[in-house]
Amino acid sequence: MIIAISQQEKEKANTATDNFDVLLDPKKNTGNEEDLITLFQSAMRKVPQQVVIVTTAKQDKNGKWVKRGITCSSFTSVSIKPPILSFCIHTPSRIHEILQENEKFAVHVLAQDQIHQCLHFAKSWASDSCQFESVPHVQGEKGLPIIMGSLAVLLCTTHSIHTVGDHQVYYGNIQNASVSHDLQDPLLYFVRSFRSVGDQVFLQAFEDATLPFEDWTHEAHLRMAWNYIKQYGRDQATPYIKLGIQKYNEKNKDKIQTGYHETITMFFIHLVTDAINKVTSDVSFDDFLRQNQHLLDNSLLFQYYSKETLANSEARLRFVEPDKKSLPC
């Protein structure tokens, strides 16, 4: 059936979709899978994603609980009667084996201020490490770790598991639920190019100036710079970094003690770029940091600058070259 539309409606439709006529003319469809993947990714960048953490646990042969959690963004309600949800996990994943063995898991709907937890469970962990050592939580039935401070927690049993492409799709029967009655916003994000879920959520919160101030650490500064430089290169990333810091500082001016410093900012942009150029391009931020521990050294700045130079008002307003040793080439 063909529906007649006015010229004005057509112009509006063409504005809303960059290549509207491609949908109407099969000859303009290249049939190239790479083109289709790119278009699909572009479309999904327009869809806000809810961030959740899935947790589960099992007992080892010594009776010790092995607890695991993972950050997911592909989460949805599937059915109301009966209540069923689904989420996806990229394969391979260490949590997959425990999920299959336990067949019970908890899905945590994150609040806007739970960016730290999102990043924590998005990173890779050694098999013998405990992800929950620093995370406030309680253990429920079958040792399920339940993270405190979530907007909602859904306790589930496994309904079914399907392999689709490079992901495992889990369907869960909801057995119980807890919902916060506080007025909080959920943690949402829009998909961005190469970034992991954790980095996407972090950078969006930074750009919106909603990142909790206690999470705006030196490591967070490095993560922000790493993301921008990886995507744009040093020269194009620099304005994003500088203006982003100034915007965030303005939003948190009642908490900021020292304020924006041009020389310190440019110094770390230079060193992060230098470190990026020395590692393989596909490493995560956590791997990057493990390979460049010097960036976390509190004395790093003072290996290049005297305190007197950094305290000078000129250094705060414009970049001043180091007075102790030269920057890496």
C-alpha atoms as a PDB file:
ATOM      1  CA  MET A   1       0.000   0.000   0.000  1.00  0.00           C
ATOM      2  CA  ILE A   2       1.337   3.463  -0.944  1.00  0.00           C
ATOM      3  CA  ILE A   3       0.487   6.343   1.358  1.00  0.00           C
ATOM      4  CA  ALA A   4       0.529   9.834  -0.099  1.00  0.00           C
ATOM      5  CA  ILE A   5       2.507  12.367   1.912  1.00  0.00           C
ATOM      6  CA  SER A   6       2.931  16.073   1.466  1.00  0.00           C
ATOM      7  CA  GLN A   7       6.178  17.689   0.319  1.00  0.00           C
ATOM      8  CA  GLN A   8       6.571  19.229   3.774  1.00  0.00           C
ATOM      9  CA  GLU A   9       6.187  15.830   5.470  1.00  0.00           C
ATOM     10  CA  LYS A  10       8.664  14.311   3.022  1.00  0.00           C
ATOM     11  CA  GLU A  11      11.217  17.036   3.735  1.00  0.00           C
ATOM     12  CA  LYS A  12      10.790  16.468   7.461  1.00  0.00           C
ATOM     13  CA  ALA A  13      11.243  12.715   6.994  1.00  0.00           C
ATOM     14  CA  ASN A  14      14.367  13.254   4.916  1.00  0.00           C
ATOM     15  CA  THR A  15      15.761  15.549   7.604  1.00  0.00           C
ATOM     16  CA  ALA A  16      15.078  12.984  10.337  1.00  0.00           C
ATOM     17  CA  THR A  17      16.749  10.160   8.404  1.00  0.00           C
ATOM     18  CA  ASP A  18      19.897  11.113   6.524  1.00  0.00           C
ATOM     19  CA  ASN A  19      19.348   8.591   3.705  1.00  0.00           C
ATOM     20  CA  PHE A  20      15.587   8.116   3.661  1.00  0.00           C
ATOM     21  CA  ASP A  21      15.419   7.277  -0.062  1.00  0.00           C
ATOM     22  CA  VAL A  22      17.702   4.262   0.496  1.00  0.00           C
ATOM     23  CA  LEU A  23      14.807   2.574   2.296  1.00  0.00           C
ATOM     24  CA  LEU A  24      12.516   3.081  -0.708  1.00  0.00           C
ATOM     25  CA  ASP A  25      14.892   2.096  -3.497  1.00  0.00           C
ATOM     26  CA  PRO A  26      16.361  -1.444  -3.204  1.00  0.00           C
ATOM     27  CA  LYS A  27      18.929  -0.571  -5.890  1.00  0.00           C
ATOM     28  CA  LYS A  28      20.604   1.818  -3.441  1.00  0.00           C
ATOM     29  CA  ASN A  29      21.169  -0.984  -0.940  1.00  0.00           C
ATOM     30  CA  THR A  30      24.771  -2.103  -1.491  1.00  0.00           C
ATOM     31  CA  GLY A  31      24.223  -5.442   0.237  1.00  0.00           C
ATOM     32  CA  ASN A  32      27.651  -5.035   1.839  1.00  0.00           C
ATOM     33  CA  GLU A  33      27.681  -6.506   5.351  1.00  0.00           C
ATOM     34  CA  GLU A  34      30.269  -4.017   6.631  1.00  0.00           C
ATOM     35  CA  ASP A  35      28.105  -1.116   5.434  1.00  0.00           C
ATOM     36  CA  LEU A  36      25.090  -2.645   7.151  1.00  0.00           C
ATOM     37  CA  ILE A  37      27.011  -3.099  10.426  1.00  0.00           C
ATOM     38  CA  THR A  38      28.108   0.545  10.308  1.00  0.00           C
ATOM     39  CA  LEU A  39      24.523   1.697   9.693  1.00  0.00           C
ATOM     40  CA  PHE A  40      23.208  -0.510  12.498  1.00  0.00           C
ATOM     41  CA  GLN A  41      25.784   0.881  14.934  1.00  0.00           C
ATOM     42  CA  SER A  42      24.865   4.423  13.885  1.00  0.00           C
ATOM     43  CA  ALA A  43      21.182   3.700  14.483  1.00  0.00           C
ATOM     44  CA  MET A  44      21.838   2.202  17.918  1.00  0.00           C
ATOM     45  CA  ARG A  45      23.744   5.336  18.937  1.00  0.00           C
ATOM     46  CA  LYS A  46      20.371   7.095  18.884  1.00  0.00           C
ATOM     47  CA  VAL A  47      18.850   4.647  21.387  1.00  0.00           C
ATOM     48  CA  PRO A  48      19.478   5.185  25.110  1.00  0.00           C
ATOM     49  CA  GLN A  49      20.600   1.991  26.850  1.00  0.00           C
ATOM     50  CA  GLN A  50      19.839   1.001  30.444  1.00  0.00           C
ATOM     51  CA  VAL A  51      22.935  -0.171  32.327  1.00  0.00           C
ATOM     52  CA  VAL A  52      22.642  -3.203  34.622  1.00  0.00           C
ATOM     53  CA  ILE A  53      25.021  -5.412  36.561  1.00  0.00           C
ATOM     54  CA  VAL A  54      24.394  -9.161  36.594  1.00  0.00           C
ATOM     55  CA  THR A  55      25.778 -11.116  39.560  1.00  0.00           C
ATOM     56  CA  THR A  56      25.951 -14.780  40.447  1.00  0.00           C
ATOM     57  CA  ALA A  57      28.043 -17.127  42.627  1.00  0.00           C
ATOM     58  CA  LYS A  58      29.094 -20.711  43.250  1.00  0.00           C
ATOM     59  CA  GLN A  59      30.972 -22.601  45.959  1.00  0.00           C
ATOM     60  CA  ASP A  60      34.355 -24.091  45.121  1.00  0.00           C
ATOM     61  CA  LYS A  61      35.529 -27.511  46.317  1.00  0.00           C
ATOM     62  CA  ASN A  62      36.610 -25.981  49.635  1.00  0.00           C
ATOM     63  CA  GLY A  63      33.203 -24.442  50.280  1.00  0.00           C
ATOM     64  CA  LYS A  64      34.403 -20.890  49.525  1.00  0.00           C
ATOM     65  CA  TRP A  65      32.063 -18.628  47.586  1.00  0.00           C
ATOM     66  CA  VAL A  66      33.273 -17.526  44.160  1.00  0.00           C
ATOM     67  CA  LYS A  67      31.295 -14.387  43.327  1.00  0.00           C
ATOM     68  CA  ARG A  68      31.137 -12.826  39.871  1.00  0.00           C
ATOM     69  CA  GLY A  69      29.515  -9.769  38.318  1.00  0.00           C
ATOM     70  CA  ILE A  70      29.450  -8.150  34.892  1.00  0.00           C
ATOM     71  CA  THR A  71      28.179  -4.853  33.481  1.00  0.00           C
ATOM     72  CA  CYS A  72      25.620  -5.245  30.678  1.00  0.00           C
ATOM     73  CA  SER A  73      23.751  -2.767  28.510  1.00  0.00           C
ATOM     74  CA  SER A  74      21.631  -5.101  26.388  1.00  0.00           C
ATOM     75  CA  PHE A  75      18.885  -5.600  28.984  1.00  0.00           C
ATOM     76  CA  THR A  76      15.146  -5.734  28.352  1.00  0.00           C
ATOM     77  CA  SER A  77      11.793  -6.904  29.615  1.00  0.00           C
ATOM     78  CA  VAL A  78      10.545  -9.842  27.543  1.00  0.00           C
ATOM     79  CA  SER A  79       7.268 -10.839  29.188  1.00  0.00           C
ATOM     80  CA  ILE A  80       5.014  -9.594  31.989  1.00  0.00           C
ATOM     81  CA  LYS A  81       2.915 -12.768  32.421  1.00  0.00           C
ATOM     82  CA  PRO A  82       5.012 -14.622  33.365  1.00  0.00           C
ATOM     83  CA  PRO A  83       7.684 -12.028  34.216  1.00  0.00           C
ATOM     84  CA  ILE A  84      10.771 -12.726  32.087  1.00  0.00           C
ATOM     85  CA  LEU A  85      13.779 -10.544  31.262  1.00  0.00           C
ATOM     86  CA  SER A  86      16.796 -10.933  29.041  1.00  0.00           C
ATOM     87  CA  PHE A  87      20.381  -9.687  28.820  1.00  0.00           C
ATOM     88  CA  CYS A  88      23.387 -10.428  26.625  1.00  0.00           C
ATOM     89  CA  ILE A  89      26.989 -11.281  27.481  1.00  0.00           C
ATOM     90  CA  HIS A  90      29.844 -11.134  25.000  1.00  0.00           C
ATOM     91  CA  THR A  91      31.634 -14.461  24.642  1.00  0.00           C
ATOM     92  CA  PRO A  92      33.919 -15.665  26.017  1.00  0.00           C
ATOM     93  CA  SER A  93      33.242 -14.551  29.595  1.00  0.00           C
ATOM     94  CA  ARG A  94      34.289 -15.995  32.974  1.00  0.00           C
ATOM     95  CA  ILE A  95      30.817 -15.448  34.415  1.00  0.00           C
ATOM     96  CA  HIS A  96      29.211 -17.707  31.813  1.00  0.00           C
ATOM     97  CA  GLU A  97      30.375 -20.957  33.444  1.00  0.00           C
ATOM     98  CA  ILE A  98      29.067 -19.920  36.878  1.00  0.00           C
ATOM     99  CA  LEU A  99      25.745 -18.775  35.438  1.00  0.00           C
ATOM    100  CA  GLN A 100      25.283 -22.166  33.776  1.00  0.00           C
ATOM    101  CA  GLU A 101      26.179 -24.030  36.964  1.00  0.00           C
ATOM    102  CA  ASN A 102      24.143 -21.953  39.429  1.00  0.00           C
ATOM    103  CA  GLU A 103      21.155 -21.126  37.197  1.00  0.00           C
ATOM    104  CA  LYS A 104      20.377 -18.250  39.555  1.00  0.00           C
ATOM    105  CA  PHE A 105      21.399 -14.617  39.141  1.00  0.00           C
ATOM    106  CA  ALA A 106      20.575 -11.088  40.252  1.00  0.00           C
ATOM    107  CA  VAL A 107      20.065  -8.206  37.828  1.00  0.00           C
ATOM    108  CA  HIS A 108      20.792  -4.749  39.305  1.00  0.00           C
ATOM    109  CA  VAL A 109      19.272  -1.691  37.642  1.00  0.00           C
ATOM    110  CA  LEU A 110      21.833   1.037  38.308  1.00  0.00           C
ATOM    111  CA  ALA A 111      21.123   4.538  39.566  1.00  0.00           C
ATOM    112  CA  GLN A 112      22.714   7.558  37.885  1.00  0.00           C
ATOM    113  CA  ASP A 113      25.296   7.912  40.665  1.00  0.00           C
ATOM    114  CA  GLN A 114      26.507   4.283  40.405  1.00  0.00           C
ATOM    115  CA  ILE A 115      29.088   4.996  37.696  1.00  0.00           C
ATOM    116  CA  HIS A 116      31.852   3.625  39.911  1.00  0.00           C
ATOM    117  CA  GLN A 117      30.101   0.237  40.131  1.00  0.00           C
ATOM    118  CA  CYS A 118      29.483   0.264  36.384  1.00  0.00           C
ATOM    119  CA  LEU A 119      33.197   0.769  35.678  1.00  0.00           C
ATOM    120  CA  HIS A 120      34.213  -1.714  38.372  1.00  0.00           C
ATOM    121  CA  PHE A 121      32.295  -4.623  36.836  1.00  0.00           C
ATOM    122  CA  ALA A 122      33.048  -3.616  33.236  1.00  0.00           C
ATOM    123  CA  LYS A 123      36.790  -4.219  33.600  1.00  0.00           C
ATOM    124  CA  SER A 124      38.519  -7.571  33.215  1.00  0.00           C
ATOM    125  CA  TRP A 125      39.471  -9.450  36.394  1.00  0.00           C
ATOM    126  CA  ALA A 126      41.871 -12.293  37.125  1.00  0.00           C
ATOM    127  CA  SER A 127      40.132 -15.600  37.830  1.00  0.00           C
ATOM    128  CA  ASP A 128      41.482 -15.744  41.405  1.00  0.00           C
ATOM    129  CA  SER A 129      40.536 -12.151  42.322  1.00  0.00           C
ATOM    130  CA  CYS A 130      37.454 -11.106  44.289  1.00  0.00           C
ATOM    131  CA  GLN A 131      35.393  -8.492  42.463  1.00  0.00           C
ATOM    132  CA  PHE A 132      33.287  -7.762  45.533  1.00  0.00           C
ATOM    133  CA  GLU A 133      36.017  -7.008  48.062  1.00  0.00           C
ATOM    134  CA  SER A 134      35.394  -3.245  47.927  1.00  0.00           C
ATOM    135  CA  VAL A 135      31.731  -3.338  46.838  1.00  0.00           C
ATOM    136  CA  PRO A 136      29.014  -2.959  49.538  1.00  0.00           C
ATOM    137  CA  HIS A 137      26.783  -6.006  49.133  1.00  0.00           C
ATOM    138  CA  VAL A 138      24.926  -8.782  50.901  1.00  0.00           C
ATOM    139  CA  GLN A 139      24.566 -12.429  49.916  1.00  0.00           C
ATOM    140  CA  GLY A 140      21.153 -13.950  49.334  1.00  0.00           C
ATOM    141  CA  GLU A 141      19.922 -17.390  48.351  1.00  0.00           C
ATOM    142  CA  LYS A 142      22.604 -19.625  46.784  1.00  0.00           C
ATOM    143  CA  GLY A 143      25.177 -16.998  47.716  1.00  0.00           C
ATOM    144  CA  LEU A 144      23.886 -14.448  45.198  1.00  0.00           C
ATOM    145  CA  PRO A 145      25.730 -11.144  45.713  1.00  0.00           C
ATOM    146  CA  ILE A 146      23.228  -8.269  45.936  1.00  0.00           C
ATOM    147  CA  ILE A 147      24.805  -4.846  45.408  1.00  0.00           C
ATOM    148  CA  MET A 148      23.523  -2.141  47.697  1.00  0.00           C
ATOM    149  CA  GLY A 149      22.308   1.222  46.387  1.00  0.00           C
ATOM    150  CA  SER A 150      20.701  -0.006  43.146  1.00  0.00           C
ATOM    151  CA  LEU A 151      17.426   1.380  41.798  1.00  0.00           C
ATOM    152  CA  ALA A 152      16.044  -2.135  41.548  1.00  0.00           C
ATOM    153  CA  VAL A 153      17.231  -5.715  41.982  1.00  0.00           C
ATOM    154  CA  LEU A 154      15.595  -8.633  40.156  1.00  0.00           C
ATOM    155  CA  LEU A 155      16.296 -12.177  41.392  1.00  0.00           C
ATOM    156  CA  CYS A 156      16.051 -14.705  38.581  1.00  0.00           C
ATOM    157  CA  THR A 157      16.388 -18.333  37.611  1.00  0.00           C
ATOM    158  CA  THR A 158      17.601 -19.268  34.157  1.00  0.00           C
ATOM    159  CA  HIS A 159      14.795 -19.774  31.663  1.00  0.00           C
ATOM    160  CA  SER A 160      17.001 -20.475  28.634  1.00  0.00           C
ATOM    161  CA  ILE A 161      20.293 -19.504  26.977  1.00  0.00           C
ATOM    162  CA  HIS A 162      20.835 -18.920  23.267  1.00  0.00           C
ATOM    163  CA  THR A 163      23.952 -18.212  21.247  1.00  0.00           C
ATOM    164  CA  VAL A 164      23.406 -15.332  18.837  1.00  0.00           C
ATOM    165  CA  GLY A 165      26.426 -14.088  16.897  1.00  0.00           C
ATOM    166  CA  ASP A 166      29.215 -13.213  19.336  1.00  0.00           C
ATOM    167  CA  HIS A 167      26.901 -13.068  22.381  1.00  0.00           C
ATOM    168  CA  GLN A 168      25.108 -15.402  24.766  1.00  0.00           C
ATOM    169  CA  VAL A 169      21.491 -14.288  25.279  1.00  0.00           C
ATOM    170  CA  TYR A 170      20.136 -15.169  28.724  1.00  0.00           C
ATOM    171  CA  TYR A 171      16.426 -15.294  29.541  1.00  0.00           C
ATOM    172  CA  GLY A 172      15.524 -15.193  33.223  1.00  0.00           C
ATOM    173  CA  ASN A 173      12.385 -16.073  35.167  1.00  0.00           C
ATOM    174  CA  ILE A 174      11.947 -13.304  37.736  1.00  0.00           C
ATOM    175  CA  GLN A 175      11.416 -14.860  41.184  1.00  0.00           C
ATOM    176  CA  ASN A 176      11.560 -11.763  43.383  1.00  0.00           C
ATOM    177  CA  ALA A 177      12.284  -8.054  43.111  1.00  0.00           C
ATOM    178  CA  SER A 178      13.223  -5.060  45.228  1.00  0.00           C
ATOM    179  CA  VAL A 179      12.567  -1.510  44.007  1.00  0.00           C
ATOM    180  CA  SER A 180      13.928   1.692  45.555  1.00  0.00           C
ATOM    181  CA  HIS A 181      11.296   4.286  46.459  1.00  0.00           C
ATOM    182  CA  ASP A 182      13.799   7.141  46.338  1.00  0.00           C
ATOM    183  CA  LEU A 183      13.431   9.541  43.437  1.00  0.00           C
ATOM    184  CA  GLN A 184      16.552   8.689  41.443  1.00  0.00           C
ATOM    185  CA  ASP A 185      17.287   8.676  37.738  1.00  0.00           C
ATOM    186  CA  PRO A 186      18.517   5.465  36.075  1.00  0.00           C
ATOM    187  CA  LEU A 187      21.990   5.197  34.577  1.00  0.00           C
ATOM    188  CA  LEU A 188      21.582   5.469  30.795  1.00  0.00           C
ATOM    189  CA  TYR A 189      24.045   5.923  27.966  1.00  0.00           C
ATOM    190  CA  PHE A 190      24.191   6.237  24.207  1.00  0.00           C
ATOM    191  CA  VAL A 191      26.490   3.871  22.301  1.00  0.00           C
ATOM    192  CA  ARG A 192      29.768   5.442  21.111  1.00  0.00           C
ATOM    193  CA  SER A 193      32.225   4.090  18.528  1.00  0.00           C
ATOM    194  CA  PHE A 194      34.868   1.748  19.984  1.00  0.00           C
ATOM    195  CA  ARG A 195      34.302   2.343  23.681  1.00  0.00           C
ATOM    196  CA  SER A 196      33.396  -0.288  26.266  1.00  0.00           C
ATOM    197  CA  VAL A 197      30.143   0.071  28.210  1.00  0.00           C
ATOM    198  CA  GLY A 198      32.057   1.352  31.240  1.00  0.00           C
ATOM    199  CA  ASP A 199      33.950   3.993  29.251  1.00  0.00           C
ATOM    200  CA  GLN A 200      30.813   5.089  27.426  1.00  0.00           C
ATOM    201  CA  VAL A 201      28.905   5.590  30.662  1.00  0.00           C
ATOM    202  CA  PHE A 202      31.847   7.341  32.300  1.00  0.00           C
ATOM    203  CA  LEU A 203      32.470   9.757  29.428  1.00  0.00           C
ATOM    204  CA  GLN A 204      28.811  10.637  29.044  1.00  0.00           C
ATOM    205  CA  ALA A 205      28.603  11.427  32.770  1.00  0.00           C
ATOM    206  CA  PHE A 206      31.746  13.556  32.470  1.00  0.00           C
ATOM    207  CA  GLU A 207      30.372  15.466  29.476  1.00  0.00           C
ATOM    208  CA  ASP A 208      27.018  15.996  31.215  1.00  0.00           C
ATOM    209  CA  ALA A 209      28.853  16.982  34.434  1.00  0.00           C
ATOM    210  CA  THR A 210      26.816  14.354  36.316  1.00  0.00           C
ATOM    211  CA  LEU A 211      29.869  12.284  37.312  1.00  0.00           C
ATOM    212  CA  PRO A 212      29.913  12.201  41.136  1.00  0.00           C
ATOM    213  CA  PHE A 213      32.700  14.474  42.375  1.00  0.00           C
ATOM    214  CA  GLU A 214      34.183  11.723  44.537  1.00  0.00           C
ATOM    215  CA  ASP A 215      34.723   9.708  41.337  1.00  0.00           C
ATOM    216  CA  TRP A 216      36.621  12.580  39.650  1.00  0.00           C
ATOM    217  CA  THR A 217      40.008  11.175  40.674  1.00  0.00           C
ATOM    218  CA  HIS A 218      43.396  11.366  38.981  1.00  0.00           C
ATOM    219  CA  GLU A 219      42.660   7.984  37.383  1.00  0.00           C
ATOM    220  CA  ALA A 220      39.373   9.400  36.088  1.00  0.00           C
ATOM    221  CA  HIS A 221      41.262  12.310  34.505  1.00  0.00           C
ATOM    222  CA  LEU A 222      43.518   9.785  32.757  1.00  0.00           C
ATOM    223  CA  ARG A 223      40.540   7.693  31.601  1.00  0.00           C
ATOM    224  CA  MET A 224      38.873  10.774  30.137  1.00  0.00           C
ATOM    225  CA  ALA A 225      42.029  11.859  28.285  1.00  0.00           C
ATOM    226  CA  TRP A 226      42.685   8.306  27.040  1.00  0.00           C
ATOM    227  CA  ASN A 227      39.176   8.026  25.570  1.00  0.00           C
ATOM    228  CA  TYR A 228      39.341  11.329  23.721  1.00  0.00           C
ATOM    229  CA  ILE A 229      42.885  10.858  22.433  1.00  0.00           C
ATOM    230  CA  LYS A 230      42.134   7.321  21.270  1.00  0.00           C
ATOM    231  CA  GLN A 231      39.155   8.560  19.277  1.00  0.00           C
ATOM    232  CA  TYR A 232      40.347  11.891  17.925  1.00  0.00           C
ATOM    233  CA  GLY A 233      44.135  11.955  18.222  1.00  0.00           C
ATOM    234  CA  ARG A 234      45.975  14.444  20.454  1.00  0.00           C
ATOM    235  CA  ASP A 235      45.390  17.670  18.527  1.00  0.00           C
ATOM    236  CA  GLN A 236      41.653  17.207  17.967  1.00  0.00           C
ATOM    237  CA  ALA A 237      41.136  15.731  21.455  1.00  0.00           C
ATOM    238  CA  THR A 238      42.769  18.651  23.273  1.00  0.00           C
ATOM    239  CA  PRO A 239      39.790  21.075  23.014  1.00  0.00           C
ATOM    240  CA  TYR A 240      37.401  18.344  24.236  1.00  0.00           C
ATOM    241  CA  ILE A 241      39.638  17.659  27.237  1.00  0.00           C
ATOM    242  CA  LYS A 242      40.244  21.298  28.179  1.00  0.00           C
ATOM    243  CA  LEU A 243      36.648  22.489  27.765  1.00  0.00           C
ATOM    244  CA  GLY A 244      35.301  19.338  29.433  1.00  0.00           C
ATOM    245  CA  ILE A 245      37.430  19.898  32.542  1.00  0.00           C
ATOM    246  CA  GLN A 246      36.431  23.560  32.720  1.00  0.00           C
ATOM    247  CA  LYS A 247      32.731  22.696  32.346  1.00  0.00           C
ATOM    248  CA  TYR A 248      32.971  20.018  35.037  1.00  0.00           C
ATOM    249  CA  ASN A 249      34.869  22.375  37.358  1.00  0.00           C
ATOM    250  CA  GLU A 250      32.234  25.071  36.902  1.00  0.00           C
ATOM    251  CA  LYS A 251      29.476  22.609  37.809  1.00  0.00           C
ATOM    252  CA  ASN A 252      31.426  21.613  40.925  1.00  0.00           C
ATOM    253  CA  LYS A 253      32.956  24.996  41.803  1.00  0.00           C
ATOM    254  CA  ASP A 254      31.834  24.688  45.428  1.00  0.00           C
ATOM    255  CA  LYS A 255      34.014  21.541  45.745  1.00  0.00           C
ATOM    256  CA  ILE A 256      37.007  22.442  43.555  1.00  0.00           C
ATOM    257  CA  GLN A 257      40.050  23.628  45.529  1.00  0.00           C
ATOM    258  CA  THR A 258      42.669  24.419  42.878  1.00  0.00           C
ATOM    259  CA  GLY A 259      40.778  24.966  39.607  1.00  0.00           C
ATOM    260  CA  TYR A 260      41.857  24.510  36.008  1.00  0.00           C
ATOM    261  CA  HIS A 261      45.617  24.542  35.297  1.00  0.00           C
ATOM    262  CA  GLU A 262      46.682  24.808  31.635  1.00  0.00           C
ATOM    263  CA  THR A 263      50.251  23.514  32.079  1.00  0.00           C
ATOM    264  CA  ILE A 264      49.243  20.472  34.145  1.00  0.00           C
ATOM    265  CA  THR A 265      46.465  19.628  31.678  1.00  0.00           C
ATOM    266  CA  MET A 266      48.746  19.842  28.650  1.00  0.00           C
ATOM    267  CA  PHE A 267      51.480  17.910  30.459  1.00  0.00           C
ATOM    268  CA  PHE A 268      49.208  14.903  31.011  1.00  0.00           C
ATOM    269  CA  ILE A 269      47.761  15.133  27.495  1.00  0.00           C
ATOM    270  CA  HIS A 270      51.336  14.819  26.218  1.00  0.00           C
ATOM    271  CA  LEU A 271      52.223  11.875  28.481  1.00  0.00           C
ATOM    272  CA  VAL A 272      48.989   9.969  27.865  1.00  0.00           C
ATOM    273  CA  THR A 273      49.492  10.404  24.098  1.00  0.00           C
ATOM    274  CA  ASP A 274      53.070   9.187  24.405  1.00  0.00           C
ATOM    275  CA  ALA A 275      51.906   6.105  26.328  1.00  0.00           C
ATOM    276  CA  ILE A 276      49.113   5.370  23.820  1.00  0.00           C
ATOM    277  CA  ASN A 277      51.647   5.416  20.985  1.00  0.00           C
ATOM    278  CA  LYS A 278      53.715   2.752  22.740  1.00  0.00           C
ATOM    279  CA  VAL A 279      50.987   0.139  23.318  1.00  0.00           C
ATOM    280  CA  THR A 280      48.855  -1.936  20.955  1.00  0.00           C
ATOM    281  CA  SER A 281      45.751  -0.127  19.744  1.00  0.00           C
ATOM    282  CA  ASP A 282      43.140  -2.615  20.981  1.00  0.00           C
ATOM    283  CA  VAL A 283      43.910  -2.636  24.727  1.00  0.00           C
ATOM    284  CA  SER A 284      41.293  -1.577  27.270  1.00  0.00           C
ATOM    285  CA  PHE A 285      41.909   1.385  29.555  1.00  0.00           C
ATOM    286  CA  ASP A 286      42.620  -0.946  32.478  1.00  0.00           C
ATOM    287  CA  ASP A 287      45.231  -2.828  30.456  1.00  0.00           C
ATOM    288  CA  PHE A 288      46.663   0.491  29.266  1.00  0.00           C
ATOM    289  CA  LEU A 289      47.003   1.636  32.877  1.00  0.00           C
ATOM    290  CA  ARG A 290      48.619  -1.630  33.956  1.00  0.00           C
ATOM    291  CA  GLN A 291      51.225  -1.128  31.247  1.00  0.00           C
ATOM    292  CA  ASN A 292      51.776   2.526  32.214  1.00  0.00           C
ATOM    293  CA  GLN A 293      51.842   2.589  35.994  1.00  0.00           C
ATOM    294  CA  HIS A 294      54.091   5.662  35.908  1.00  0.00           C
ATOM    295  CA  LEU A 295      51.026   7.757  35.005  1.00  0.00           C
ATOM    296  CA  LEU A 296      49.658   7.052  38.499  1.00  0.00           C
ATOM    297  CA  ASP A 297      52.865   8.119  40.251  1.00  0.00           C
ATOM    298  CA  ASN A 298      52.149  11.151  42.468  1.00  0.00           C
ATOM    299  CA  SER A 299      55.689  12.434  41.875  1.00  0.00           C
ATOM    300  CA  LEU A 300      55.496  12.224  38.066  1.00  0.00           C
ATOM    301  CA  LEU A 301      54.624  15.882  37.546  1.00  0.00           C
ATOM    302  CA  PHE A 302      57.476  17.033  39.788  1.00  0.00           C
ATOM    303  CA  GLN A 303      60.003  14.965  37.861  1.00  0.00           C
ATOM    304  CA  TYR A 304      59.506  17.509  35.077  1.00  0.00           C
ATOM    305  CA  TYR A 305      58.483  20.684  36.914  1.00  0.00           C
ATOM    306  CA  SER A 306      59.585  22.527  40.019  1.00  0.00           C
ATOM    307  CA  LYS A 307      56.841  23.543  42.427  1.00  0.00           C
ATOM    308  CA  GLU A 308      57.759  27.180  41.873  1.00  0.00           C
ATOM    309  CA  THR A 309      57.119  26.940  38.127  1.00  0.00           C
ATOM    310  CA  LEU A 310      53.726  25.273  38.600  1.00  0.00           C
ATOM    311  CA  ALA A 311      52.724  27.823  41.243  1.00  0.00           C
ATOM    312  CA  ASN A 312      53.385  30.686  38.819  1.00  0.00           C
ATOM    313  CA  SER A 313      50.167  32.322  37.575  1.00  0.00           C
ATOM    314  CA  GLU A 314      51.515  32.231  34.005  1.00  0.00           C
ATOM    315  CA  ALA A 315      51.694  28.415  34.104  1.00  0.00           C
ATOM    316  CA  ARG A 316      48.052  28.286  35.177  1.00  0.00           C
ATOM    317  CA  LEU A 317      46.925  30.381  32.203  1.00  0.00           C
ATOM    318  CA  ARG A 318      49.135  29.016  29.391  1.00  0.00           C
ATOM    319  CA  PHE A 319      51.380  26.026  28.777  1.00  0.00           C
ATOM    320  CA  VAL A 320      54.916  26.402  30.150  1.00  0.00           C
ATOM    321  CA  GLU A 321      57.675  23.993  29.140  1.00  0.00           C
ATOM    322  CA  PRO A 322      59.189  21.829  31.929  1.00  0.00           C
ATOM    323  CA  ASP A 323      62.113  23.350  33.795  1.00  0.00           C
ATOM    324  CA  LYS A 324      63.617  20.100  35.145  1.00  0.00           C
ATOM    325  CA  LYS A 325      63.642  17.704  32.200  1.00  0.00           C
ATOM    326  CA  SER A 326      62.174  17.628  28.696  1.00  0.00           C
ATOM    327  CA  LEU A 327      58.933  15.901  27.791  1.00  0.00           C
ATOM    328  CA  PRO A 328      59.192  12.579  25.894  1.00  0.00           C
ATOM    329  CA  CYS A 329      59.451  13.011  22.112  1.00  0.00           C
END
